[in-house]
Each structure stands twice: as C-alpha cells, then as structure tokens.
Amino acid sequence: MYKLFCILIALPLLASPILGDSYTWIAPPGRGQLEQDPTMIPKGKGFLFVPTMTGSLNEPSFLVLQGNKPIREASPGTGVLLSPGNYKLLVGSGTDLQMMIHTVPVQESMTTLVKPFWAGLVINVMSENRTSINESYELYRESSQENYGLGFGVEEERGEAVKTWLLPPGVYSVVGVGDNVSTTRKFSVRLEPGELVQRNLIVDGDKNFIGFYPPAQYGLLAQVVDSRWKTSLQLSGSPRLSTSQNTAGADRSILSLSAELIGSSVYNTDRHYANLRLDFEEGFTREEGDDFRKSVDEFEVRATYIYRLSKRIGPYLRGVFNTRLFAEEEHFDPPQDLLIRDGDQVERKINISEFTLSPPFSPLELRQGIGINSQVISSFPLNFDMRVGFGARQSYVTDSFDLKSPSVVAYKLEDKTTTGLEAVLLLQSRFSRLPSLDSEFDLLIPKTATDTWEFNWENRLRLPLSRFVNVVVVFDFERKPPVQRLQSRQQVLLRLNYLL
C-alpha cells in the first residue's frame, strides 16, 4: 500500500515536465501533433516542427530566416524541411518588430520539435446573453506600453473562428478601441511561456466592457468540445398597436403581433465547418372590427458544410428547405367575381369575399448547391464571402394559385424544377459601433437569358437600443418559380430578444 501511495504521488511530478503547459492547449501536445505529421525526411535534410496551441488556421504564420534572409513561411502545427544548420525562427502577432526571435538548430535526418517560448491568448467577445459578437478591442503590453493591434469577435455562423494571439510572456491589457492604456476601463491578464490563456470579454448594450473571465469549464476536453460545437436558441417578439381618432377617415385601431424563433448549431474546426439553422417566424394583424389575419408565415431550415483547403477557400455543400405552416388567403372588400384558370379550363366564382391561394405547406421549396466557397474580405467592419457552383431548385405546390389584378384572375400553379449555375454572396458589415447589415444574395442561372434567372435577396439592418431591444429593418426581394415576377417585402420591427 505504501509503494502504491508513493507511485500515485510521483506520477504528477513525472508527467509535468512531459506535458509542460500543453494541458492548457486546445490542440494536442506538440509531440502528438508531430506524430500525426506524414512528412518523410529525405537525405541531406532536417525537419523543423512548430506546434500549434489552438489550430493552424487560427494562428499567425511563422517565418524561418537564414542569417537575415527569410527562406520559409508556414503555419503553426506544420513543419518545414531545411538543410542542416542554425536558423532564426520568427513567431508572434503584431508587427515584425514585435515578433519573437529564437535560434534553432537543424540536424540532418533529425526532427527539431520547437518548445514554445511564446504564450497564446484567445479572447472571445460576447454579449450579456452569451452570444459571440463582432465587437473590437485593442491589446497593449503593460511593460513597454506597446499596442499589439486590433482584435475583434467573430460571427460563428459564418464559419469564422476566434484568432489566437501569439505573444511574448508578460502582462497584457485589453481596452476599448481608441482608449489609452492608462485608462481605468481595462482588463489585464498575465501570460506564461508555453501557456494558452482563454478569456471571455463581455460587452453590454452600450459597447462597454463589463466582464473578463475564463470559460466556465476549463481543461483540455472541455475546451475541445467548446471550440467545436456552438448551439444557440433565440426568441424574438415584435408587438405593435396603432390607433387613430379625429382623422379624415373613421376611427380605428390596429394590433400586430409577430414572433421569431432562431436556432443554430455550428460545428467548427480547422478543416470542417457545418451549420444547421432553423428560422421560424409567424405574425398576425387585427384591424378593429375584423379578425386576426396572417401577416408573416415562414418556416425555413438551412444546412451548410464547408471543407477548408486554406483559411479563405474550400468546397461547400448546402441545402435549404422553406415552406409555410398556414394557408394563404386573399380577402375581397367588397366581394367580387373571380376567374380561375387551370390550363385551358376556366371557372368563375361569383361575389366571393375570400379565396384560398394556397393550403398549409404549399409551396414547399427546396434549394441545393455545391461548389467553391471563398472568403473575399474578413475584417471588423466588413465580411464578404462568395460561393460559386452548381445549383438546383424545386418548388412543389398543391392547389395553389397566383392572383393577378386588376383583372382578378387566379392562375393555378404547377410544380417546377430548375438547375444551373449558382452564385451566393454573403455580406456582413458594421457602419459604426452600433448598426449592422446582414445581406444574402442567392442567384441561380439556368440559361443565358436574364428573364430566366431566379434569385433571393434578403437584407436585415439592425440597430441595438439596449440589451434585449433592437430595431430591425427588413427588405427582401425575390423572383422564383412558380411565380416569375419580382416580389418584395419590407418591414420595420421593434424586436424584444431573449436567448434561451
């Protein structure tokens, strides 16, 4: 029993030099990364391997110099083949003068595994309701008062990952953009050699920094799970009540209620990005003396997968399912006659006040696409992605009609399938510290004639007013079968948000 006790006491002491501070890393320890590298060392060469703390795509590249001449550049988590000799290794974030330099030997037919002489820092910018947001900050080194540059949060649904700072060990301070390092409104953190430090930076509705703390669960397993899977559920509501008295028309009141449920599950690694998104929105309007009538009805599920060949490019596969949950009705006041055309057959309905344009779950629309995804611009004020490939669209209808006025003729719609080249443009921009614009343009080109092109253009302009309240301006345009004419929808909503 005594021997067993001694062994248990000695194990942590023996393990510590082997693991070092790599237990704080998101990536496996350096030797484990090296064992997964398939590089064969040819005769007359040596291998220099620089480990990564978080992932190759998250960290800045390192530079190998011979004398003062740069000869190779690569990402951490990979290695380079070099002729035997002594080299200078340049690692770090910031400017060239702020990067760390270290001399490393390379021997023929041998591998040099670099022990990190730098520290890693990951800052995830979050709102008070635990959502990652694209808000910026500045990072200073306390001992020298140096500014290491601008950092910012990410939009995880766009496939982005939080960037990792590689820094000289020391004490660093996080301040708001434009604030001096001497400000009292800052947070500080100490970084040790070979250690990865993670922090959540909390920002309130007025963009003030109000919290800076480690993730709730700490340790290698918790970090790996947390870094790969993100799931969120957001509930929004938008009530509106308007009244009019003593006007040119009759006194009346209008009550509008709408609610939106957005669910998202994101899987994100160096190579793989997958996003499953649910958007369910319903709205009803009631005018005085009338019943509640549907104003918004949308149920949509989107799935996207991207395999990253590099930081900015990779193949994608996507699918979209869209339908309505309730019937769509057209109301006539006063009642009138209606012609119904089904091919060559014509039917007349006399003096009707209501007509069903489509039953529940009609139309049922599907969109698929495969091609190349490219991250054209990635910055704090602007993110722009472009996808180009082959696409397909299907629209399935059941007893559905397109109403054309003023002739008041209802044409029966038919199922339709279209294939062709597709282009998807994704834009996310911030005009200042508060407003933001999300825009998605989805184009399908079945033929060269422009009148056959189909597209969806969705735009959301958001202005946060407080932690749970924001104004949303919606302006959408579309032209798609079975209705080929241009259709549009505009709304201005006061949103009350709650993160579940």
Protein backbone atom coordinates (compact mmCIF):
# COMPACT_ATOMS: atom_id res chain seq x y z
CA MET A 1 0.00 0.00 0.00
CA TYR A 2 2.86 2.36 0.86
CA LYS A 3 4.52 1.72 -2.54
CA LEU A 4 1.24 2.38 -4.35
CA PHE A 5 0.83 5.65 -2.48
CA CYS A 6 4.34 6.76 -3.46
CA ILE A 7 3.70 5.93 -7.10
CA LEU A 8 0.47 7.97 -7.14
CA ILE A 9 2.29 10.93 -5.59
CA ALA A 10 5.15 10.67 -8.10
CA LEU A 11 3.01 10.43 -11.27
CA PRO A 12 2.05 14.14 -11.44
CA LEU A 13 5.69 15.09 -10.85
CA LEU A 14 6.85 12.84 -13.66
CA ALA A 15 4.08 13.98 -16.03
CA SER A 16 4.60 17.71 -15.51
CA PRO A 17 7.88 18.04 -17.44
CA ILE A 18 6.43 15.96 -20.28
CA LEU A 19 3.19 17.90 -20.65
CA GLY A 20 4.53 21.30 -19.60
CA ASP A 21 1.78 23.85 -20.12
CA SER A 22 0.31 21.95 -23.09
CA TYR A 23 -2.57 20.80 -20.88
CA THR A 24 -3.98 24.32 -21.38
CA TRP A 25 -3.92 23.92 -25.17
CA ILE A 26 -6.94 23.23 -27.34
CA ALA A 27 -4.73 21.30 -29.79
CA PRO A 28 -2.93 18.08 -28.76
CA PRO A 29 0.56 18.39 -27.20
CA GLY A 30 3.42 19.14 -29.58
CA ARG A 31 4.74 15.56 -29.74
CA GLY A 32 1.25 14.28 -30.52
CA GLN A 33 0.96 16.77 -33.40
CA LEU A 34 4.36 15.70 -34.71
CA GLU A 35 3.34 12.02 -34.71
CA GLN A 36 0.37 12.90 -36.95
CA ASP A 37 2.57 14.72 -39.49
CA PRO A 38 3.18 12.44 -42.52
CA THR A 39 6.33 14.27 -43.76
CA MET A 40 9.26 11.98 -44.68
CA ILE A 41 12.75 13.43 -44.18
CA PRO A 42 14.87 12.99 -47.34
CA LYS A 43 18.61 12.51 -47.29
CA GLY A 44 20.54 15.70 -46.66
CA LYS A 45 17.60 17.44 -44.94
CA GLY A 46 16.35 18.03 -41.42
CA PHE A 47 12.81 18.74 -40.18
CA LEU A 48 11.76 21.77 -38.10
CA PHE A 49 8.32 21.42 -36.49
CA VAL A 50 6.49 24.32 -34.76
CA PRO A 51 3.43 23.16 -32.73
CA THR A 52 0.11 24.97 -32.54
CA MET A 53 -1.82 25.70 -29.34
CA THR A 54 -5.25 26.09 -30.93
CA GLY A 55 -5.18 25.26 -34.65
CA SER A 56 -3.21 26.08 -37.79
CA LEU A 57 -5.94 28.32 -39.23
CA ASN A 58 -6.30 30.35 -36.01
CA GLU A 59 -2.67 31.39 -35.50
CA PRO A 60 -0.32 33.70 -37.44
CA SER A 61 2.34 32.09 -39.64
CA PHE A 62 5.94 31.70 -38.50
CA LEU A 63 9.00 32.69 -40.53
CA VAL A 64 12.34 30.88 -40.86
CA LEU A 65 15.42 33.02 -41.57
CA GLN A 66 18.97 32.08 -42.53
CA GLY A 67 21.04 34.98 -41.33
CA ASN A 68 18.72 37.90 -42.05
CA LYS A 69 17.20 36.35 -45.18
CA PRO A 70 13.68 34.87 -44.98
CA ILE A 71 13.61 31.41 -46.60
CA ARG A 72 10.42 29.67 -45.48
CA GLU A 73 6.98 30.61 -44.11
CA ALA A 74 4.44 28.16 -42.68
CA SER A 75 1.56 27.86 -40.20
CA PRO A 76 1.99 26.51 -36.64
CA GLY A 77 1.07 22.85 -36.45
CA THR A 78 3.18 22.11 -39.52
CA GLY A 79 6.88 21.67 -40.22
CA VAL A 80 9.44 22.65 -42.86
CA LEU A 81 12.31 20.69 -44.45
CA LEU A 82 15.66 22.51 -44.20
CA SER A 83 19.31 21.88 -44.89
CA PRO A 84 21.37 21.23 -41.73
CA GLY A 85 22.45 24.38 -39.88
CA ASN A 86 21.33 27.07 -37.44
CA TYR A 87 18.27 29.13 -38.26
CA LYS A 88 16.33 32.03 -36.77
CA LEU A 89 12.66 31.35 -36.02
CA LEU A 90 10.33 34.37 -36.04
CA VAL A 91 7.00 33.80 -34.26
CA GLY A 92 4.26 36.10 -32.99
CA SER A 93 1.39 38.51 -33.55
CA GLY A 94 1.69 42.21 -34.24
CA THR A 95 4.32 43.91 -36.39
CA ASP A 96 7.62 42.32 -37.48
CA LEU A 97 9.45 44.22 -34.73
CA GLN A 98 7.04 42.83 -32.10
CA MET A 99 7.52 39.20 -33.12
CA MET A 100 9.79 36.92 -31.07
CA ILE A 101 13.04 35.54 -32.49
CA HIS A 102 14.84 32.39 -31.42
CA THR A 103 17.80 30.44 -32.83
CA VAL A 104 17.09 26.76 -33.57
CA PRO A 105 19.47 24.03 -34.80
CA VAL A 106 18.51 21.62 -37.59
CA GLN A 107 20.45 18.35 -38.00
CA GLU A 108 20.46 16.01 -40.97
CA SER A 109 17.78 13.26 -40.82
CA MET A 110 16.64 14.61 -37.44
CA THR A 111 13.50 16.42 -36.28
CA THR A 112 13.69 19.60 -34.20
CA LEU A 113 10.49 19.99 -32.18
CA VAL A 114 10.33 23.60 -31.01
CA LYS A 115 9.30 24.08 -27.39
CA PRO A 116 7.06 27.20 -27.35
CA PHE A 117 8.89 30.22 -26.00
CA TRP A 118 5.78 32.28 -26.63
CA ALA A 119 2.35 32.42 -24.95
CA GLY A 120 -1.09 32.14 -26.52
CA LEU A 121 -4.14 34.31 -25.81
CA VAL A 122 -7.69 33.70 -27.08
CA ILE A 123 -10.34 36.36 -26.42
CA ASN A 124 -13.95 35.54 -27.27
CA VAL A 125 -16.07 38.73 -27.36
CA MET A 126 -19.58 38.07 -26.08
CA SER A 127 -22.78 39.96 -25.29
CA GLU A 128 -24.50 39.77 -21.92
CA ASN A 129 -26.72 36.96 -23.23
CA ARG A 130 -23.68 34.76 -24.05
CA THR A 131 -23.74 35.29 -27.82
CA SER A 132 -20.46 35.76 -29.71
CA ILE A 133 -20.45 39.20 -31.34
CA ASN A 134 -18.27 41.07 -33.82
CA GLU A 135 -17.04 43.78 -31.43
CA SER A 136 -13.47 45.14 -31.37
CA TYR A 137 -10.83 45.82 -28.71
CA GLU A 138 -7.15 46.82 -28.53
CA LEU A 139 -4.35 44.85 -26.84
CA TYR A 140 -1.42 46.51 -25.01
CA ARG A 141 1.70 45.07 -23.35
CA GLU A 142 1.99 46.68 -19.92
CA SER A 143 5.81 46.62 -19.52
CA SER A 144 6.53 48.50 -22.76
CA GLN A 145 3.13 50.20 -23.30
CA GLU A 146 3.17 48.74 -26.84
CA ASN A 147 -0.03 48.43 -28.82
CA TYR A 148 -0.16 44.94 -30.38
CA GLY A 149 -3.09 45.81 -32.58
CA LEU A 150 -6.83 45.43 -33.02
CA GLY A 151 -8.72 42.27 -32.11
CA PHE A 152 -12.38 41.51 -32.64
CA GLY A 153 -15.03 38.90 -32.01
CA VAL A 154 -16.46 36.73 -34.73
CA GLU A 155 -19.75 35.68 -36.27
CA GLU A 156 -19.55 31.90 -35.76
CA GLU A 157 -22.45 31.20 -38.11
CA ARG A 158 -20.26 32.48 -40.94
CA GLY A 159 -17.69 29.79 -40.27
CA GLU A 160 -15.26 32.13 -38.55
CA ALA A 161 -13.06 31.14 -35.62
CA VAL A 162 -11.58 33.31 -32.89
CA LYS A 163 -7.99 34.24 -33.76
CA THR A 164 -5.17 33.34 -31.36
CA TRP A 165 -2.64 35.93 -30.23
CA LEU A 166 0.96 34.59 -30.03
CA LEU A 167 2.78 36.94 -27.64
CA PRO A 168 5.93 37.34 -25.56
CA PRO A 169 5.26 36.28 -21.94
CA GLY A 170 4.16 39.14 -19.72
CA VAL A 171 1.16 41.18 -18.61
CA TYR A 172 -1.28 42.47 -21.23
CA SER A 173 -4.27 44.82 -21.04
CA VAL A 174 -7.47 44.84 -23.09
CA VAL A 175 -9.02 48.28 -23.71
CA GLY A 176 -11.72 49.74 -25.90
CA VAL A 177 -10.82 50.97 -29.38
CA GLY A 178 -9.34 54.46 -29.10
CA ASP A 179 -8.80 54.27 -25.32
CA ASN A 180 -5.34 54.89 -23.87
CA VAL A 181 -3.56 52.11 -21.99
CA SER A 182 -3.63 54.30 -18.89
CA THR A 183 -7.44 54.19 -18.76
CA THR A 184 -9.10 52.63 -15.72
CA ARG A 185 -11.61 50.89 -18.03
CA LYS A 186 -9.39 47.94 -18.92
CA PHE A 187 -8.79 44.29 -18.09
CA SER A 188 -5.38 42.66 -17.62
CA VAL A 189 -4.05 39.11 -17.95
CA ARG A 190 -0.65 37.50 -17.27
CA LEU A 191 0.80 35.13 -19.89
CA GLU A 192 3.46 32.50 -19.12
CA PRO A 193 5.77 30.77 -21.67
CA GLY A 194 4.12 27.82 -23.42
CA GLU A 195 0.72 28.56 -21.85
CA LEU A 196 -2.59 29.17 -23.63
CA VAL A 197 -4.94 31.53 -21.81
CA GLN A 198 -8.61 31.86 -22.78
CA ARG A 199 -10.86 34.72 -21.74
CA ASN A 200 -14.45 35.81 -22.37
CA LEU A 201 -14.73 39.58 -22.87
CA ILE A 202 -18.30 40.69 -22.05
CA VAL A 203 -19.72 43.77 -23.76
CA ASP A 204 -23.02 45.42 -22.75
CA GLY A 205 -25.60 47.11 -24.99
CA ASP A 206 -23.69 50.40 -24.88
CA LYS A 207 -20.49 48.63 -26.00
CA ASN A 208 -18.84 48.99 -22.59
CA PHE A 209 -16.54 46.22 -21.32
CA ILE A 210 -18.17 44.80 -18.18
CA GLY A 211 -16.52 41.38 -17.71
CA PHE A 212 -13.32 39.44 -18.41
CA TYR A 213 -13.06 35.88 -17.14
CA PRO A 214 -12.00 32.31 -18.11
CA PRO A 215 -14.52 29.95 -19.75
CA ALA A 216 -16.82 28.27 -17.23
CA GLN A 217 -15.37 24.81 -17.91
CA TYR A 218 -11.62 24.55 -18.00
CA GLY A 219 -9.41 21.67 -19.17
CA LEU A 220 -8.43 20.07 -22.46
CA LEU A 221 -11.61 18.03 -23.04
CA ALA A 222 -13.96 20.91 -22.20
CA GLN A 223 -12.01 23.28 -24.48
CA VAL A 224 -12.08 20.89 -27.43
CA VAL A 225 -15.83 20.38 -27.14
CA ASP A 226 -16.47 24.09 -26.61
CA SER A 227 -14.29 25.13 -29.53
CA ARG A 228 -16.04 22.80 -32.00
CA TRP A 229 -19.74 22.91 -31.08
CA LYS A 230 -21.82 26.04 -30.56
CA THR A 231 -25.59 25.82 -30.12
CA SER A 232 -27.93 28.74 -29.52
CA LEU A 233 -31.67 29.40 -29.44
CA GLN A 234 -33.06 32.93 -29.69
CA LEU A 235 -36.69 34.03 -29.25
CA SER A 236 -37.81 37.45 -30.54
CA GLY A 237 -41.16 39.21 -30.38
CA SER A 238 -42.48 42.33 -32.07
CA PRO A 239 -45.78 43.85 -30.85
CA ARG A 240 -47.36 46.93 -32.44
CA LEU A 241 -50.52 48.84 -31.54
CA SER A 242 -51.65 51.87 -33.54
CA THR A 243 -54.82 53.94 -33.14
CA SER A 244 -56.33 56.90 -35.00
CA GLN A 245 -59.01 59.31 -33.81
CA ASN A 246 -60.47 62.50 -35.22
CA THR A 247 -58.83 61.97 -38.62
CA ALA A 248 -60.27 62.30 -42.11
CA GLY A 249 -61.19 58.61 -42.04
CA ALA A 250 -63.03 56.53 -39.49
CA ASP A 251 -61.57 55.95 -36.02
CA ARG A 252 -59.78 52.62 -35.84
CA SER A 253 -57.08 50.61 -34.08
CA ILE A 254 -54.61 48.06 -35.49
CA LEU A 255 -52.87 45.38 -33.43
CA SER A 256 -49.92 43.42 -34.86
CA LEU A 257 -48.08 40.58 -33.16
CA SER A 258 -45.15 38.61 -34.51
CA ALA A 259 -42.63 36.18 -33.05
CA GLU A 260 -39.45 34.63 -34.42
CA LEU A 261 -37.54 31.59 -33.20
CA ILE A 262 -33.96 31.18 -34.46
CA GLY A 263 -31.98 28.06 -33.62
CA SER A 264 -28.43 27.40 -34.71
CA SER A 265 -25.94 24.58 -34.21
CA VAL A 266 -22.38 25.12 -35.51
CA TYR A 267 -19.50 22.64 -35.76
CA ASN A 268 -16.20 24.41 -36.39
CA THR A 269 -12.64 23.04 -36.66
CA ASP A 270 -9.55 23.91 -38.67
CA ARG A 271 -10.80 21.95 -41.68
CA HIS A 272 -14.53 21.41 -41.19
CA TYR A 273 -17.39 23.88 -40.80
CA ALA A 274 -21.03 22.79 -40.57
CA ASN A 275 -24.03 24.93 -39.71
CA LEU A 276 -27.64 23.84 -39.18
CA ARG A 277 -30.04 26.78 -38.80
CA LEU A 278 -33.78 26.95 -38.07
CA ASP A 279 -35.77 30.15 -38.70
CA PHE A 280 -39.46 30.07 -37.69
CA GLU A 281 -41.41 33.35 -37.89
CA GLU A 282 -45.13 33.94 -37.51
CA GLY A 283 -47.10 37.19 -37.41
CA PHE A 284 -50.75 38.21 -37.23
CA THR A 285 -52.57 41.53 -37.66
CA ARG A 286 -56.02 42.55 -36.49
CA GLU A 287 -57.85 45.72 -37.52
CA GLU A 288 -60.75 46.99 -35.43
CA GLY A 289 -63.93 45.14 -36.39
CA ASP A 290 -62.05 42.38 -38.20
CA ASP A 291 -60.48 39.03 -37.32
CA PHE A 292 -56.80 38.26 -36.85
CA ARG A 293 -55.16 37.67 -40.20
CA LYS A 294 -51.76 36.19 -41.01
CA SER A 295 -49.13 38.76 -41.97
CA VAL A 296 -45.90 36.73 -41.73
CA ASP A 297 -45.55 32.96 -42.12
CA GLU A 298 -42.17 31.35 -42.72
CA PHE A 299 -40.56 28.07 -41.74
CA GLU A 300 -37.03 27.52 -43.03
CA VAL A 301 -34.20 25.08 -42.33
CA ARG A 302 -30.70 25.64 -43.75
CA ALA A 303 -27.70 23.32 -43.70
CA THR A 304 -24.20 24.28 -44.89
CA TYR A 305 -20.94 22.34 -44.92
CA ILE A 306 -17.51 23.75 -45.90
CA TYR A 307 -14.22 21.87 -46.09
CA ARG A 308 -11.39 24.38 -45.72
CA LEU A 309 -8.45 23.85 -48.05
CA SER A 310 -6.96 27.06 -46.64
CA LYS A 311 -8.05 29.97 -44.47
CA ARG A 312 -10.02 31.55 -47.30
CA ILE A 313 -11.12 28.87 -49.76
CA GLY A 314 -12.71 25.42 -49.84
CA PRO A 315 -15.57 23.39 -51.36
CA TYR A 316 -19.10 23.76 -49.95
CA LEU A 317 -22.32 21.77 -49.90
CA ARG A 318 -25.62 23.36 -48.87
CA GLY A 319 -29.36 22.75 -48.72
CA VAL A 320 -32.43 24.88 -47.89
CA PHE A 321 -35.98 23.80 -47.00
CA ASN A 322 -38.68 26.52 -46.98
CA THR A 323 -42.47 26.42 -46.59
CA ARG A 324 -45.49 27.98 -44.86
CA LEU A 325 -47.37 26.42 -41.96
CA PHE A 326 -50.73 28.10 -42.61
CA ALA A 327 -52.98 28.63 -45.60
CA GLU A 328 -52.66 31.90 -47.52
CA GLU A 329 -55.95 33.73 -48.01
CA GLU A 330 -56.95 36.65 -50.22
CA HIS A 331 -59.79 38.85 -48.94
CA PHE A 332 -62.08 41.00 -51.12
CA ASP A 333 -63.87 44.02 -49.69
CA PRO A 334 -66.37 44.49 -51.23
CA PRO A 335 -66.97 40.94 -52.56
CA GLN A 336 -66.33 40.45 -56.28
CA ASP A 337 -66.18 37.90 -59.08
CA LEU A 338 -63.05 35.83 -59.69
CA LEU A 339 -61.86 33.87 -62.73
CA ILE A 340 -59.87 30.68 -62.02
CA ARG A 341 -57.68 29.36 -64.84
CA ASP A 342 -56.32 25.80 -64.77
CA GLY A 343 -54.65 25.33 -68.16
CA ASP A 344 -57.42 25.60 -70.75
CA GLN A 345 -60.17 25.27 -68.14
CA VAL A 346 -61.82 28.42 -66.75
CA GLU A 347 -64.06 28.61 -63.69
CA ARG A 348 -65.90 31.71 -62.43
CA LYS A 349 -66.71 32.32 -58.78
CA ILE A 350 -69.42 34.89 -58.17
CA ASN A 351 -69.44 37.52 -55.43
CA ILE A 352 -66.81 35.98 -53.12
CA SER A 353 -65.18 37.72 -50.17
CA GLU A 354 -62.37 35.21 -49.50
CA PHE A 355 -60.27 32.89 -51.67
CA THR A 356 -57.56 30.38 -50.64
CA LEU A 357 -54.41 31.00 -52.67
CA SER A 358 -52.50 28.06 -51.14
CA PRO A 359 -53.12 25.47 -48.39
CA PRO A 360 -50.70 24.81 -45.50
CA PHE A 361 -47.20 23.57 -46.51
CA SER A 362 -47.58 24.89 -50.05
CA PRO A 363 -45.42 25.83 -51.80
CA LEU A 364 -42.70 23.52 -50.49
CA GLU A 365 -39.39 24.87 -51.78
CA LEU A 366 -36.00 23.13 -51.84
CA ARG A 367 -32.61 24.56 -52.81
CA GLN A 368 -29.32 22.67 -53.15
CA GLY A 369 -25.85 23.79 -54.15
CA ILE A 370 -22.27 22.52 -54.45
CA GLY A 371 -19.17 24.48 -55.40
CA ILE A 372 -16.31 26.61 -54.06
CA ASN A 373 -16.59 28.96 -51.08
CA SER A 374 -14.22 31.94 -50.92
CA GLN A 375 -13.75 34.37 -48.03
CA VAL A 376 -13.01 37.53 -50.03
CA ILE A 377 -12.86 40.04 -47.15
CA SER A 378 -12.52 39.32 -43.42
CA SER A 379 -12.23 42.31 -41.09
CA PHE A 380 -14.04 44.00 -38.22
CA PRO A 381 -16.11 46.45 -40.33
CA LEU A 382 -16.72 44.15 -43.30
CA ASN A 383 -17.00 40.42 -44.03
CA PHE A 384 -17.71 39.26 -47.57
CA ASP A 385 -17.99 35.64 -48.74
CA MET A 386 -18.69 34.38 -52.26
CA ARG A 387 -19.86 30.91 -53.31
CA VAL A 388 -19.90 29.78 -56.93
CA GLY A 389 -21.00 26.37 -58.16
CA PHE A 390 -23.86 24.24 -59.47
CA GLY A 391 -27.35 24.65 -58.02
CA ALA A 392 -30.83 23.14 -58.20
CA ARG A 393 -34.26 24.42 -57.14
CA GLN A 394 -37.58 22.57 -56.71
CA SER A 395 -41.00 24.05 -55.97
CA TYR A 396 -43.86 21.67 -55.12
CA VAL A 397 -47.39 23.08 -54.93
CA THR A 398 -50.83 21.73 -54.02
CA ASP A 399 -53.99 23.56 -55.19
CA SER A 400 -52.08 26.85 -55.25
CA PHE A 401 -52.83 29.95 -57.31
CA ASP A 402 -51.18 33.19 -58.41
CA LEU A 403 -53.62 36.12 -58.25
CA LYS A 404 -53.15 38.81 -60.89
CA SER A 405 -55.03 42.08 -60.65
CA PRO A 406 -56.74 44.32 -61.69
CA SER A 407 -58.38 41.68 -63.90
CA VAL A 408 -58.84 39.49 -60.78
CA VAL A 409 -57.76 36.24 -62.41
CA ALA A 410 -56.26 33.36 -60.42
CA TYR A 411 -53.84 31.11 -62.35
CA LYS A 412 -53.24 27.62 -60.98
CA LEU A 413 -49.57 26.94 -60.28
CA GLU A 414 -47.63 23.79 -61.14
CA ASP A 415 -44.54 22.06 -59.75
CA LYS A 416 -41.26 23.26 -61.19
CA THR A 417 -37.62 22.13 -61.10
CA THR A 418 -34.67 24.26 -62.24
CA THR A 419 -30.93 23.59 -62.43
CA GLY A 420 -27.99 25.72 -63.46
CA LEU A 421 -25.02 27.74 -62.24
CA GLU A 422 -25.41 29.40 -58.85
CA ALA A 423 -23.73 32.30 -57.07
CA VAL A 424 -24.26 33.19 -53.40
CA LEU A 425 -22.95 36.46 -51.97
CA LEU A 426 -22.86 36.91 -48.16
CA LEU A 427 -22.20 40.35 -46.66
CA GLN A 428 -21.95 41.39 -43.02
CA SER A 429 -20.96 44.99 -42.29
CA ARG A 430 -20.90 47.48 -39.44
CA PHE A 431 -21.28 51.15 -40.33
CA SER A 432 -20.24 52.27 -36.85
CA ARG A 433 -20.24 50.82 -33.35
CA LEU A 434 -23.99 50.13 -33.37
CA PRO A 435 -25.79 49.50 -36.69
CA SER A 436 -25.08 46.31 -38.65
CA LEU A 437 -26.26 44.98 -42.01
CA ASP A 438 -26.61 41.30 -42.99
CA SER A 439 -27.24 40.66 -46.68
CA GLU A 440 -27.51 37.43 -48.69
CA PHE A 441 -27.94 37.32 -52.47
CA ASP A 442 -28.73 33.85 -53.86
CA LEU A 443 -28.74 33.66 -57.68
CA LEU A 444 -29.48 30.68 -59.99
CA ILE A 445 -28.69 30.96 -63.73
CA PRO A 446 -30.43 28.15 -65.69
CA LYS A 447 -29.97 29.86 -69.10
CA THR A 448 -28.16 32.87 -70.52
CA ALA A 449 -31.42 34.81 -70.93
CA THR A 450 -31.74 37.09 -67.88
CA ASP A 451 -35.53 36.69 -67.69
CA THR A 452 -34.97 33.04 -66.65
CA TRP A 453 -32.68 33.90 -63.73
CA GLU A 454 -34.00 33.21 -60.23
CA PHE A 455 -32.83 34.97 -57.08
CA ASN A 456 -33.47 35.66 -53.41
CA TRP A 457 -32.06 38.83 -51.86
CA GLU A 458 -32.52 39.09 -48.08
CA ASN A 459 -31.41 42.13 -46.07
CA ARG A 460 -31.52 42.83 -42.31
CA LEU A 461 -30.48 46.21 -40.89
CA ARG A 462 -30.19 46.08 -37.09
CA LEU A 463 -29.89 48.95 -34.63
CA PRO A 464 -29.45 47.80 -30.98
CA LEU A 465 -31.21 50.01 -28.46
CA SER A 466 -30.45 48.05 -25.30
CA ARG A 467 -29.51 44.58 -24.13
CA PHE A 468 -32.83 42.99 -25.18
CA VAL A 469 -34.30 45.54 -27.61
CA ASN A 470 -33.33 46.43 -31.17
CA VAL A 471 -34.88 47.87 -34.30
CA VAL A 472 -34.82 45.63 -37.38
CA VAL A 473 -35.46 46.90 -40.91
CA VAL A 474 -36.31 44.07 -43.33
CA PHE A 475 -36.21 44.46 -47.09
CA ASP A 476 -36.38 41.28 -49.18
CA PHE A 477 -36.67 40.76 -52.93
CA GLU A 478 -37.18 37.56 -54.88
CA ARG A 479 -38.01 36.18 -58.29
CA LYS A 480 -38.55 32.44 -58.35
CA PRO A 481 -40.96 29.85 -59.76
CA PRO A 482 -43.79 29.19 -59.85
CA VAL A 483 -44.35 32.99 -59.58
CA GLN A 484 -41.86 34.56 -62.03
CA ARG A 485 -42.46 38.27 -61.35
CA LEU A 486 -40.38 40.30 -58.88
CA GLN A 487 -41.81 40.18 -55.35
CA SER A 488 -40.74 42.26 -52.35
CA ARG A 489 -41.35 42.58 -48.62
CA GLN A 490 -40.44 45.45 -46.30
CA GLN A 491 -40.89 45.75 -42.54
CA VAL A 492 -39.70 47.92 -39.67
CA LEU A 493 -39.84 45.98 -36.39
CA LEU A 494 -39.11 46.68 -32.77
CA ARG A 495 -37.62 43.38 -31.58
CA LEU A 496 -37.65 42.11 -28.00
CA ASN A 497 -34.96 39.40 -27.84
CA TYR A 498 -34.33 36.63 -25.34
CA LEU A 499 -31.59 33.99 -25.56
CA LEU A 500 -32.77 30.56 -24.36
